[in-house]
């Protein structure tokens, strides 16, 4: 969610918001890029990330979801806590970590 809402965020900004190390952010971003969930565009010295909201996720229960449908289900209060970096109280998965800022895609 964090990357989807703040595509210009740096690795350090993402790490601080999510509550993991910058090295972990880079590893997770590389995995997400490898699976085509996130594209990276180089702009000067910075990266801009683009989440593929049309990309289907692995099956969630009985229904297949896209990344965009999952992001649309996240309550505003979760988005606010991701933006201010407050923890959700449960450990996130890899996709969730970046997509939902620690509360998770």
PDB file of N, CA and C in Angstrom:
ATOM      1  N   UNK A   1       0.827  -1.183   0.000  1.00  0.00           N
ATOM      2  CA  UNK A   1       0.000   0.000   0.000  1.00  0.00           C
ATOM      3  C   UNK A   1       0.873   1.249   0.000  1.00  0.00           C
ATOM      4  N   UNK A   2       1.940   1.232   0.781  1.00  0.00           N
ATOM      5  CA  UNK A   2       2.795   2.414   0.864  1.00  0.00           C
ATOM      6  C   UNK A   2       3.348   2.773  -0.513  1.00  0.00           C
ATOM      7  N   UNK A   3       3.849   1.796  -1.230  1.00  0.00           N
ATOM      8  CA  UNK A   3       4.411   2.046  -2.560  1.00  0.00           C
ATOM      9  C   UNK A   3       3.327   2.514  -3.520  1.00  0.00           C
ATOM     10  N   UNK A   4       2.140   1.961  -3.416  1.00  0.00           N
ATOM     11  CA  UNK A   4       1.037   2.379  -4.273  1.00  0.00           C
ATOM     12  C   UNK A   4       0.591   3.809  -4.010  1.00  0.00           C
ATOM     13  N   UNK A   5       0.662   4.238  -2.761  1.00  0.00           N
ATOM     14  CA  UNK A   5       0.235   5.594  -2.394  1.00  0.00           C
ATOM     15  C   UNK A   5       1.352   6.628  -2.523  1.00  0.00           C
ATOM     16  N   UNK A   6       2.588   6.169  -2.388  1.00  0.00           N
ATOM     17  CA  UNK A   6       3.750   7.074  -2.455  1.00  0.00           C
ATOM     18  C   UNK A   6       4.796   6.490  -3.413  1.00  0.00           C
ATOM     19  N   UNK A   7       4.536   6.566  -4.699  1.00  0.00           N
ATOM     20  CA  UNK A   7       5.433   5.943  -5.677  1.00  0.00           C
ATOM     21  C   UNK A   7       6.838   6.541  -5.710  1.00  0.00           C
ATOM     22  N   UNK A   8       7.010   7.738  -5.172  1.00  0.00           N
ATOM     23  CA  UNK A   8       8.328   8.374  -5.163  1.00  0.00           C
ATOM     24  C   UNK A   8       9.084   8.134  -3.861  1.00  0.00           C
ATOM     25  N   UNK A   9       8.536   7.325  -2.967  1.00  0.00           N
ATOM     26  CA  UNK A   9       9.188   7.066  -1.683  1.00  0.00           C
ATOM     27  C   UNK A   9      10.535   6.391  -1.871  1.00  0.00           C
ATOM     28  N   UNK A  10      11.499   6.786  -1.037  1.00  0.00           N
ATOM     29  CA  UNK A  10      12.821   6.162  -1.089  1.00  0.00           C
ATOM     30  C   UNK A  10      12.801   4.864  -0.297  1.00  0.00           C
ATOM     31  N   UNK A  11      13.831   4.053  -0.483  1.00  0.00           N
ATOM     32  CA  UNK A  11      13.955   2.820   0.288  1.00  0.00           C
ATOM     33  C   UNK A  11      13.950   3.091   1.780  1.00  0.00           C
ATOM     34  N   UNK A  12      14.629   4.145   2.196  1.00  0.00           N
ATOM     35  CA  UNK A  12      14.680   4.501   3.610  1.00  0.00           C
ATOM     36  C   UNK A  12      13.306   4.938   4.120  1.00  0.00           C
ATOM     37  N   UNK A  13      12.580   5.736   3.337  1.00  0.00           N
ATOM     38  CA  UNK A  13      11.238   6.165   3.740  1.00  0.00           C
ATOM     39  C   UNK A  13      10.294   4.976   3.872  1.00  0.00           C
ATOM     40  N   UNK A  14      10.372   4.059   2.922  1.00  0.00           N
ATOM     41  CA  UNK A  14       9.536   2.860   2.972  1.00  0.00           C
ATOM     42  C   UNK A  14       9.891   2.042   4.208  1.00  0.00           C
ATOM     43  N   UNK A  15      11.182   1.851   4.446  1.00  0.00           N
ATOM     44  CA  UNK A  15      11.639   1.063   5.597  1.00  0.00           C
ATOM     45  C   UNK A  15      11.139   1.650   6.907  1.00  0.00           C
ATOM     46  N   UNK A  16      11.249   2.942   7.053  1.00  0.00           N
ATOM     47  CA  UNK A  16      10.787   3.592   8.290  1.00  0.00           C
ATOM     48  C   UNK A  16       9.283   3.462   8.466  1.00  0.00           C
ATOM     49  N   UNK A  17       8.523   3.646   7.386  1.00  0.00           N
ATOM     50  CA  UNK A  17       7.065   3.556   7.463  1.00  0.00           C
ATOM     51  C   UNK A  17       6.597   2.140   7.780  1.00  0.00           C
ATOM     52  N   UNK A  18       7.296   1.164   7.224  1.00  0.00           N
ATOM     53  CA  UNK A  18       6.895  -0.228   7.370  1.00  0.00           C
ATOM     54  C   UNK A  18       7.472  -0.850   8.637  1.00  0.00           C
ATOM     55  N   UNK A  19       8.592  -0.336   9.093  1.00  0.00           N
ATOM     56  CA  UNK A  19       9.215  -0.884  10.295  1.00  0.00           C
ATOM     57  C   UNK A  19      10.160  -2.035  10.026  1.00  0.00           C
ATOM     58  N   UNK A  20      10.805  -2.019   8.847  1.00  0.00           N
ATOM     59  CA  UNK A  20      11.805  -3.026   8.514  1.00  0.00           C
ATOM     60  C   UNK A  20      13.067  -2.310   8.047  1.00  0.00           C
ATOM     61  N   UNK A  21      14.116  -3.062   7.763  1.00  0.00           N
ATOM     62  CA  UNK A  21      15.364  -2.441   7.321  1.00  0.00           C
ATOM     63  C   UNK A  21      15.288  -2.047   5.853  1.00  0.00           C
ATOM     64  N   UNK A  22      16.136  -1.114   5.485  1.00  0.00           N
ATOM     65  CA  UNK A  22      16.203  -0.686   4.091  1.00  0.00           C
ATOM     66  C   UNK A  22      16.646  -1.845   3.197  1.00  0.00           C
ATOM     67  N   UNK A  23      17.532  -2.678   3.693  1.00  0.00           N
ATOM     68  CA  UNK A  23      17.977  -3.856   2.937  1.00  0.00           C
ATOM     69  C   UNK A  23      16.805  -4.795   2.665  1.00  0.00           C
ATOM     70  N   UNK A  24      15.951  -4.987   3.665  1.00  0.00           N
ATOM     71  CA  UNK A  24      14.770  -5.840   3.486  1.00  0.00           C
ATOM     72  C   UNK A  24      13.820  -5.240   2.452  1.00  0.00           C
ATOM     73  N   UNK A  25      13.661  -3.914   2.470  1.00  0.00           N
ATOM     74  CA  UNK A  25      12.817  -3.242   1.482  1.00  0.00           C
ATOM     75  C   UNK A  25      13.332  -3.523   0.082  1.00  0.00           C
ATOM     76  N   UNK A  26      14.618  -3.379  -0.104  1.00  0.00           N
ATOM     77  CA  UNK A  26      15.196  -3.602  -1.438  1.00  0.00           C
ATOM     78  C   UNK A  26      15.007  -5.047  -1.896  1.00  0.00           C
ATOM     79  N   UNK A  27      15.172  -5.983  -0.984  1.00  0.00           N
ATOM     80  CA  UNK A  27      14.984  -7.397  -1.329  1.00  0.00           C
ATOM     81  C   UNK A  27      13.527  -7.670  -1.714  1.00  0.00           C
ATOM     82  N   UNK A  28      12.595  -7.145  -0.931  1.00  0.00           N
ATOM     83  CA  UNK A  28      11.170  -7.356  -1.203  1.00  0.00           C
ATOM     84  C   UNK A  28      10.767  -6.681  -2.512  1.00  0.00           C
ATOM     85  N   UNK A  29      11.259  -5.459  -2.741  1.00  0.00           N
ATOM     86  CA  UNK A  29      10.969  -4.782  -4.007  1.00  0.00           C
ATOM     87  C   UNK A  29      11.498  -5.591  -5.192  1.00  0.00           C
ATOM     88  N   UNK A  30      12.673  -6.164  -5.047  1.00  0.00           N
ATOM     89  CA  UNK A  30      13.233  -6.988  -6.125  1.00  0.00           C
ATOM     90  C   UNK A  30      12.345  -8.203  -6.393  1.00  0.00           C
ATOM     91  N   UNK A  31      11.829  -8.817  -5.337  1.00  0.00           N
ATOM     92  CA  UNK A  31      10.925  -9.960  -5.498  1.00  0.00           C
ATOM     93  C   UNK A  31       9.618  -9.532  -6.174  1.00  0.00           C
ATOM     94  N   UNK A  32       9.084  -8.391  -5.745  1.00  0.00           N
ATOM     95  CA  UNK A  32       7.847  -7.888  -6.353  1.00  0.00           C
ATOM     96  C   UNK A  32       8.054  -7.523  -7.816  1.00  0.00           C
ATOM     97  N   UNK A  33       9.218  -6.978  -8.145  1.00  0.00           N
ATOM     98  CA  UNK A  33       9.541  -6.676  -9.542  1.00  0.00           C
ATOM     99  C   UNK A  33       9.681  -7.957 -10.341  1.00  0.00           C
ATOM    100  N   UNK A  34      10.314  -8.959  -9.752  1.00  0.00           N
ATOM    101  CA  UNK A  34      10.490 -10.251 -10.421  1.00  0.00           C
ATOM    102  C   UNK A  34       9.173 -10.930 -10.737  1.00  0.00           C
ATOM    103  N   UNK A  35       8.159 -10.688  -9.905  1.00  0.00           N
ATOM    104  CA  UNK A  35       6.837 -11.275 -10.121  1.00  0.00           C
ATOM    105  C   UNK A  35       5.886 -10.307 -10.830  1.00  0.00           C
ATOM    106  N   UNK A  36       6.424  -9.170 -11.288  1.00  0.00           N
ATOM    107  CA  UNK A  36       5.692  -8.162 -12.081  1.00  0.00           C
ATOM    108  C   UNK A  36       4.572  -7.463 -11.312  1.00  0.00           C
ATOM    109  N   UNK A  37       4.655  -7.403  -9.989  1.00  0.00           N
ATOM    110  CA  UNK A  37       3.686  -6.628  -9.209  1.00  0.00           C
ATOM    111  C   UNK A  37       4.063  -5.154  -9.184  1.00  0.00           C
ATOM    112  N   UNK A  38       5.357  -4.867  -9.289  1.00  0.00           N
ATOM    113  CA  UNK A  38       5.863  -3.496  -9.211  1.00  0.00           C
ATOM    114  C   UNK A  38       6.859  -3.279 -10.343  1.00  0.00           C
ATOM    115  N   UNK A  39       6.763  -2.119 -10.995  1.00  0.00           N
ATOM    116  CA  UNK A  39       7.749  -1.698 -11.992  1.00  0.00           C
ATOM    117  C   UNK A  39       8.507  -0.515 -11.412  1.00  0.00           C
ATOM    118  N   UNK A  40       9.774  -0.404 -11.790  1.00  0.00           N
ATOM    119  CA  UNK A  40      10.599   0.699 -11.318  1.00  0.00           C
ATOM    120  C   UNK A  40      11.027   1.545 -12.490  1.00  0.00           C
ATOM    121  N   UNK A  41      10.871   2.856 -12.333  1.00  0.00           N
ATOM    122  CA  UNK A  41      11.320   3.810 -13.335  1.00  0.00           C
ATOM    123  C   UNK A  41      12.373   4.693 -12.678  1.00  0.00           C
ATOM    124  N   UNK A  42      13.507   4.815 -13.303  1.00  0.00           N
ATOM    125  CA  UNK A  42      14.588   5.640 -12.775  1.00  0.00           C
ATOM    126  C   UNK A  42      14.366   7.080 -13.225  1.00  0.00           C
ATOM    127  N   UNK A  43      14.314   8.000 -12.251  1.00  0.00           N
ATOM    128  CA  UNK A  43      14.161   9.426 -12.542  1.00  0.00           C
ATOM    129  C   UNK A  43      15.301  10.137 -11.823  1.00  0.00           C
ATOM    130  N   UNK A  44      16.318  10.528 -12.584  1.00  0.00           N
ATOM    131  CA  UNK A  44      17.497  11.130 -11.968  1.00  0.00           C
ATOM    132  C   UNK A  44      18.171  10.124 -11.055  1.00  0.00           C
ATOM    133  N   UNK A  45      18.330  10.501  -9.807  1.00  0.00           N
ATOM    134  CA  UNK A  45      18.951   9.606  -8.828  1.00  0.00           C
ATOM    135  C   UNK A  45      17.938   8.801  -8.031  1.00  0.00           C
ATOM    136  N   UNK A  46      16.666   8.984  -8.306  1.00  0.00           N
ATOM    137  CA  UNK A  46      15.612   8.326  -7.537  1.00  0.00           C
ATOM    138  C   UNK A  46      14.841   7.325  -8.382  1.00  0.00           C
ATOM    139  N   UNK A  47      14.152   6.455  -7.702  1.00  0.00           N
ATOM    140  CA  UNK A  47      13.264   5.505  -8.363  1.00  0.00           C
ATOM    141  C   UNK A  47      11.816   5.933  -8.147  1.00  0.00           C
ATOM    142  N   UNK A  48      11.007   5.640  -9.134  1.00  0.00           N
ATOM    143  CA  UNK A  48       9.556   5.827  -9.011  1.00  0.00           C
ATOM    144  C   UNK A  48       8.966   4.439  -9.235  1.00  0.00           C
ATOM    145  N   UNK A  49       8.101   4.037  -8.318  1.00  0.00           N
ATOM    146  CA  UNK A  49       7.519   2.697  -8.369  1.00  0.00           C
ATOM    147  C   UNK A  49       6.100   2.766  -8.894  1.00  0.00           C
ATOM    148  N   UNK A  50       5.727   1.784  -9.684  1.00  0.00           N
ATOM    149  CA  UNK A  50       4.373   1.691 -10.217  1.00  0.00           C
ATOM    150  C   UNK A  50       3.845   0.302  -9.892  1.00  0.00           C
ATOM    151  N   UNK A  51       2.755   0.265  -9.129  1.00  0.00           N
ATOM    152  CA  UNK A  51       2.111  -0.993  -8.768  1.00  0.00           C
ATOM    153  C   UNK A  51       1.152  -1.368  -9.883  1.00  0.00           C
ATOM    154  N   UNK A  52       1.229  -2.600 -10.349  1.00  0.00           N
ATOM    155  CA  UNK A  52       0.310  -3.085 -11.382  1.00  0.00           C
ATOM    156  C   UNK A  52      -0.988  -3.499 -10.709  1.00  0.00           C
ATOM    157  N   UNK A  53      -1.955  -2.584 -10.671  1.00  0.00           N
ATOM    158  CA  UNK A  53      -3.216  -2.834  -9.971  1.00  0.00           C
ATOM    159  C   UNK A  53      -4.098  -3.853 -10.683  1.00  0.00           C
ATOM    160  N   UNK A  54      -3.781  -4.177 -11.918  1.00  0.00           N
ATOM    161  CA  UNK A  54      -4.559  -5.157 -12.672  1.00  0.00           C
ATOM    162  C   UNK A  54      -3.994  -6.564 -12.547  1.00  0.00           C
ATOM    163  N   UNK A  55      -2.839  -6.686 -11.935  1.00  0.00           N
ATOM    164  CA  UNK A  55      -2.180  -7.983 -11.779  1.00  0.00           C
ATOM    165  C   UNK A  55      -2.950  -8.830 -10.770  1.00  0.00           C
ATOM    166  N   UNK A  56      -3.295 -10.048 -11.151  1.00  0.00           N
ATOM    167  CA  UNK A  56      -4.009 -10.914 -10.208  1.00  0.00           C
ATOM    168  C   UNK A  56      -3.083 -11.402  -9.099  1.00  0.00           C
ATOM    169  N   UNK A  57      -3.633 -11.482  -7.896  1.00  0.00           N
ATOM    170  CA  UNK A  57      -2.909 -12.062  -6.763  1.00  0.00           C
ATOM    171  C   UNK A  57      -3.112 -13.567  -6.794  1.00  0.00           C
ATOM    172  N   UNK A  58      -2.360 -14.247  -5.967  1.00  0.00           N
ATOM    173  CA  UNK A  58      -2.658 -15.662  -5.783  1.00  0.00           C
ATOM    174  C   UNK A  58      -4.046 -15.732  -5.161  1.00  0.00           C
ATOM    175  N   UNK A  59      -4.706 -16.842  -5.309  1.00  0.00           N
ATOM    176  CA  UNK A  59      -6.086 -16.964  -4.811  1.00  0.00           C
ATOM    177  C   UNK A  59      -6.174 -16.608  -3.336  1.00  0.00           C
ATOM    178  N   UNK A  60      -7.186 -15.824  -3.008  1.00  0.00           N
ATOM    179  CA  UNK A  60      -7.480 -15.447  -1.632  1.00  0.00           C
ATOM    180  C   UNK A  60      -8.832 -16.060  -1.299  1.00  0.00           C
ATOM    181  N   UNK A  61      -8.828 -17.156  -0.581  1.00  0.00           N
ATOM    182  CA  UNK A  61     -10.083 -17.846  -0.274  1.00  0.00           C
ATOM    183  C   UNK A  61     -10.700 -18.405  -1.534  1.00  0.00           C
ATOM    184  N   UNK A  62     -11.963 -18.144  -1.724  1.00  0.00           N
ATOM    185  CA  UNK A  62     -12.706 -18.656  -2.869  1.00  0.00           C
ATOM    186  C   UNK A  62     -12.615 -17.764  -4.093  1.00  0.00           C
ATOM    187  N   UNK A  63     -12.033 -16.595  -3.952  1.00  0.00           N
ATOM    188  CA  UNK A  63     -12.089 -15.601  -5.016  1.00  0.00           C
ATOM    189  C   UNK A  63     -10.703 -15.179  -5.466  1.00  0.00           C
ATOM    190  N   UNK A  64     -10.543 -14.972  -6.746  1.00  0.00           N
ATOM    191  CA  UNK A  64      -9.302 -14.409  -7.277  1.00  0.00           C
ATOM    192  C   UNK A  64      -9.424 -12.888  -7.243  1.00  0.00           C
ATOM    193  N   UNK A  65      -8.404 -12.213  -6.718  1.00  0.00           N
ATOM    194  CA  UNK A  65      -8.406 -10.751  -6.614  1.00  0.00           C
ATOM    195  C   UNK A  65      -7.252 -10.161  -7.396  1.00  0.00           C
ATOM    196  N   UNK A  66      -7.428  -8.919  -7.824  1.00  0.00           N
ATOM    197  CA  UNK A  66      -6.305  -8.174  -8.383  1.00  0.00           C
ATOM    198  C   UNK A  66      -5.691  -7.347  -7.263  1.00  0.00           C
ATOM    199  N   UNK A  67      -4.507  -6.848  -7.502  1.00  0.00           N
ATOM    200  CA  UNK A  67      -3.843  -5.987  -6.532  1.00  0.00           C
ATOM    201  C   UNK A  67      -4.718  -4.768  -6.237  1.00  0.00           C
ATOM    202  N   UNK A  68      -5.289  -4.175  -7.264  1.00  0.00           N
ATOM    203  CA  UNK A  68      -6.139  -2.995  -7.082  1.00  0.00           C
ATOM    204  C   UNK A  68      -7.366  -3.277  -6.231  1.00  0.00           C
ATOM    205  N   UNK A  69      -7.998  -4.433  -6.428  1.00  0.00           N
ATOM    206  CA  UNK A  69      -9.166  -4.793  -5.612  1.00  0.00           C
ATOM    207  C   UNK A  69      -8.769  -4.958  -4.152  1.00  0.00           C
ATOM    208  N   UNK A  70      -7.609  -5.558  -3.915  1.00  0.00           N
ATOM    209  CA  UNK A  70      -7.132  -5.718  -2.550  1.00  0.00           C
ATOM    210  C   UNK A  70      -6.855  -4.363  -1.909  1.00  0.00           C
ATOM    211  N   UNK A  71      -6.198  -3.487  -2.631  1.00  0.00           N
ATOM    212  CA  UNK A  71      -5.898  -2.158  -2.085  1.00  0.00           C
ATOM    213  C   UNK A  71      -7.167  -1.375  -1.801  1.00  0.00           C
ATOM    214  N   UNK A  72      -8.194  -1.554  -2.633  1.00  0.00           N
ATOM    215  CA  UNK A  72      -9.456  -0.843  -2.432  1.00  0.00           C
ATOM    216  C   UNK A  72     -10.179  -1.318  -1.174  1.00  0.00           C
ATOM    217  N   UNK A  73      -9.892  -2.519  -0.699  1.00  0.00           N
ATOM    218  CA  UNK A  73     -10.536  -3.059   0.497  1.00  0.00           C
ATOM    219  C   UNK A  73      -9.919  -2.560   1.796  1.00  0.00           C
ATOM    220  N   UNK A  74      -8.764  -1.937   1.725  1.00  0.00           N
ATOM    221  CA  UNK A  74      -8.062  -1.521   2.935  1.00  0.00           C
ATOM    222  C   UNK A  74      -8.766  -0.302   3.529  1.00  0.00           C
ATOM    223  N   UNK A  75      -9.189  -0.405   4.785  1.00  0.00           N
ATOM    224  CA  UNK A  75      -9.875   0.727   5.419  1.00  0.00           C
ATOM    225  C   UNK A  75      -8.965   1.953   5.510  1.00  0.00           C
ATOM    226  N   UNK A  76      -9.584   3.127   5.503  1.00  0.00           N
ATOM    227  CA  UNK A  76      -8.832   4.377   5.589  1.00  0.00           C
ATOM    228  C   UNK A  76      -7.964   4.434   6.828  1.00  0.00           C
ATOM    229  N   UNK A  77      -8.416   3.880   7.954  1.00  0.00           N
ATOM    230  CA  UNK A  77      -7.623   3.931   9.176  1.00  0.00           C
ATOM    231  C   UNK A  77      -6.332   3.132   9.025  1.00  0.00           C
ATOM    232  N   UNK A  78      -6.352   2.033   8.288  1.00  0.00           N
ATOM    233  CA  UNK A  78      -5.126   1.284   8.030  1.00  0.00           C
ATOM    234  C   UNK A  78      -4.185   2.104   7.175  1.00  0.00           C
ATOM    235  N   UNK A  79      -4.739   2.784   6.177  1.00  0.00           N
ATOM    236  CA  UNK A  79      -3.920   3.632   5.318  1.00  0.00           C
ATOM    237  C   UNK A  79      -3.273   4.736   6.146  1.00  0.00           C
ATOM    238  N   UNK A  80      -4.022   5.334   7.050  1.00  0.00           N
ATOM    239  CA  UNK A  80      -3.479   6.406   7.891  1.00  0.00           C
ATOM    240  C   UNK A  80      -2.362   5.888   8.770  1.00  0.00           C
ATOM    241  N   UNK A  81      -2.505   4.687   9.340  1.00  0.00           N
ATOM    242  CA  UNK A  81      -1.445   4.155  10.191  1.00  0.00           C
ATOM    243  C   UNK A  81      -0.219   3.810   9.369  1.00  0.00           C
ATOM    244  N   UNK A  82      -0.402   3.381   8.121  1.00  0.00           N
ATOM    245  CA  UNK A  82       0.738   3.094   7.253  1.00  0.00           C
ATOM    246  C   UNK A  82       1.472   4.380   6.912  1.00  0.00           C
ATOM    247  N   UNK A  83       0.730   5.460   6.724  1.00  0.00           N
ATOM    248  CA  UNK A  83       1.357   6.718   6.358  1.00  0.00           C
ATOM    249  C   UNK A  83       2.128   7.308   7.520  1.00  0.00           C
ATOM    250  N   UNK A  84       1.657   7.101   8.754  1.00  0.00           N
ATOM    251  CA  UNK A  84       2.396   7.655   9.886  1.00  0.00           C
ATOM    252  C   UNK A  84       3.377   6.661  10.483  1.00  0.00           C
ATOM    253  N   UNK A  85       3.408   5.436   9.926  1.00  0.00           N
ATOM    254  CA  UNK A  85       4.393   4.456  10.352  1.00  0.00           C
ATOM    255  C   UNK A  85       4.013   3.683  11.601  1.00  0.00           C
ATOM    256  N   UNK A  86       2.787   3.818  12.106  1.00  0.00           N
ATOM    257  CA  UNK A  86       2.419   3.096  13.315  1.00  0.00           C
ATOM    258  C   UNK A  86       2.177   1.627  12.996  1.00  0.00           C
ATOM    259  N   UNK A  87       2.582   0.723  13.891  1.00  0.00           N
ATOM    260  CA  UNK A  87       2.460  -0.710  13.636  1.00  0.00           C
ATOM    261  C   UNK A  87       1.026  -1.202  13.728  1.00  0.00           C
ATOM    262  N   UNK A  88       0.752  -2.309  13.068  1.00  0.00           N
ATOM    263  CA  UNK A  88      -0.597  -2.870  13.052  1.00  0.00           C
ATOM    264  C   UNK A  88      -0.812  -3.892  14.155  1.00  0.00           C
ATOM    265  N   UNK A  89       0.258  -4.386  14.768  1.00  0.00           N
ATOM    266  CA  UNK A  89       0.121  -5.375  15.819  1.00  0.00           C
ATOM    267  C   UNK A  89       0.255  -6.802  15.341  1.00  0.00           C
ATOM    268  N   UNK A  90       0.399  -7.026  14.037  1.00  0.00           N
ATOM    269  CA  UNK A  90       0.623  -8.375  13.539  1.00  0.00           C
ATOM    270  C   UNK A  90       1.690  -8.341  12.457  1.00  0.00           C
ATOM    271  N   UNK A  91       2.469  -9.417  12.346  1.00  0.00           N
ATOM    272  CA  UNK A  91       3.552  -9.416  11.371  1.00  0.00           C
ATOM    273  C   UNK A  91       3.020  -9.512   9.949  1.00  0.00           C
ATOM    274  N   UNK A  92       3.512  -8.669   9.051  1.00  0.00           N
ATOM    275  CA  UNK A  92       3.051  -8.696   7.667  1.00  0.00           C
ATOM    276  C   UNK A  92       3.795  -9.730   6.830  1.00  0.00           C
ATOM    277  N   UNK A  93       3.193 -10.128   5.708  1.00  0.00           N
ATOM    278  CA  UNK A  93       3.884 -10.954   4.741  1.00  0.00           C
ATOM    279  C   UNK A  93       4.701 -10.055   3.834  1.00  0.00           C
ATOM    280  N   UNK A  94       5.460 -10.647   2.927  1.00  0.00           N
ATOM    281  CA  UNK A  94       6.322  -9.847   2.050  1.00  0.00           C
ATOM    282  C   UNK A  94       5.532  -8.881   1.187  1.00  0.00           C
ATOM    283  N   UNK A  95       4.533  -9.383   0.489  1.00  0.00           N
ATOM    284  CA  UNK A  95       3.730  -8.502  -0.354  1.00  0.00           C
ATOM    285  C   UNK A  95       2.993  -7.497   0.518  1.00  0.00           C
ATOM    286  N   UNK A  96       2.472  -7.970   1.619  1.00  0.00           N
ATOM    287  CA  UNK A  96       1.739  -7.092   2.530  1.00  0.00           C
ATOM    288  C   UNK A  96       2.614  -5.978   3.069  1.00  0.00           C
ATOM    289  N   UNK A  97       3.829  -6.299   3.386  1.00  0.00           N
ATOM    290  CA  UNK A  97       4.736  -5.318   3.965  1.00  0.00           C
ATOM    291  C   UNK A  97       4.825  -4.072   3.123  1.00  0.00           C
ATOM    292  N   UNK A  98       5.065  -4.210   1.846  1.00  0.00           N
ATOM    293  CA  UNK A  98       5.209  -3.051   0.993  1.00  0.00           C
ATOM    294  C   UNK A  98       3.886  -2.484   0.518  1.00  0.00           C
ATOM    295  N   UNK A  99       2.944  -3.340   0.254  1.00  0.00           N
ATOM    296  CA  UNK A  99       1.688  -2.867  -0.292  1.00  0.00           C
ATOM    297  C   UNK A  99       0.810  -2.186   0.740  1.00  0.00           C
ATOM    298  N   UNK A 100       0.973  -2.547   2.012  1.00  0.00           N
ATOM    299  CA  UNK A 100       0.114  -1.961   3.022  1.00  0.00           C
ATOM    300  C   UNK A 100       0.896  -1.280   4.129  1.00  0.00           C
ATOM    301  N   UNK A 101       2.141  -1.009   3.915  1.00  0.00           N
ATOM    302  CA  UNK A 101       2.910  -0.257   4.890  1.00  0.00           C
ATOM    303  C   UNK A 101       2.996  -0.913   6.248  1.00  0.00           C
ATOM    304  N   UNK A 102       3.109  -2.233   6.318  1.00  0.00           N
ATOM    305  CA  UNK A 102       3.257  -2.916   7.583  1.00  0.00           C
ATOM    306  C   UNK A 102       1.967  -3.484   8.144  1.00  0.00           C
ATOM    307  N   UNK A 103       0.846  -3.178   7.560  1.00  0.00           N
ATOM    308  CA  UNK A 103      -0.427  -3.678   8.065  1.00  0.00           C
ATOM    309  C   UNK A 103      -1.052  -4.672   7.110  1.00  0.00           C
ATOM    310  N   UNK A 104      -0.403  -5.003   6.113  1.00  0.00           N
ATOM    311  CA  UNK A 104      -0.934  -5.760   4.994  1.00  0.00           C
ATOM    312  C   UNK A 104      -1.481  -7.091   5.404  1.00  0.00           C
ATOM    313  N   UNK A 105       0.647  -5.965   0.407  1.00  0.00           N
ATOM    314  CA  UNK A 105       0.350  -6.813  -0.169  1.00  0.00           C
ATOM    315  C   UNK A 105       0.559  -8.238  -0.779  1.00  0.00           C
TER     316      UNK A 105
END
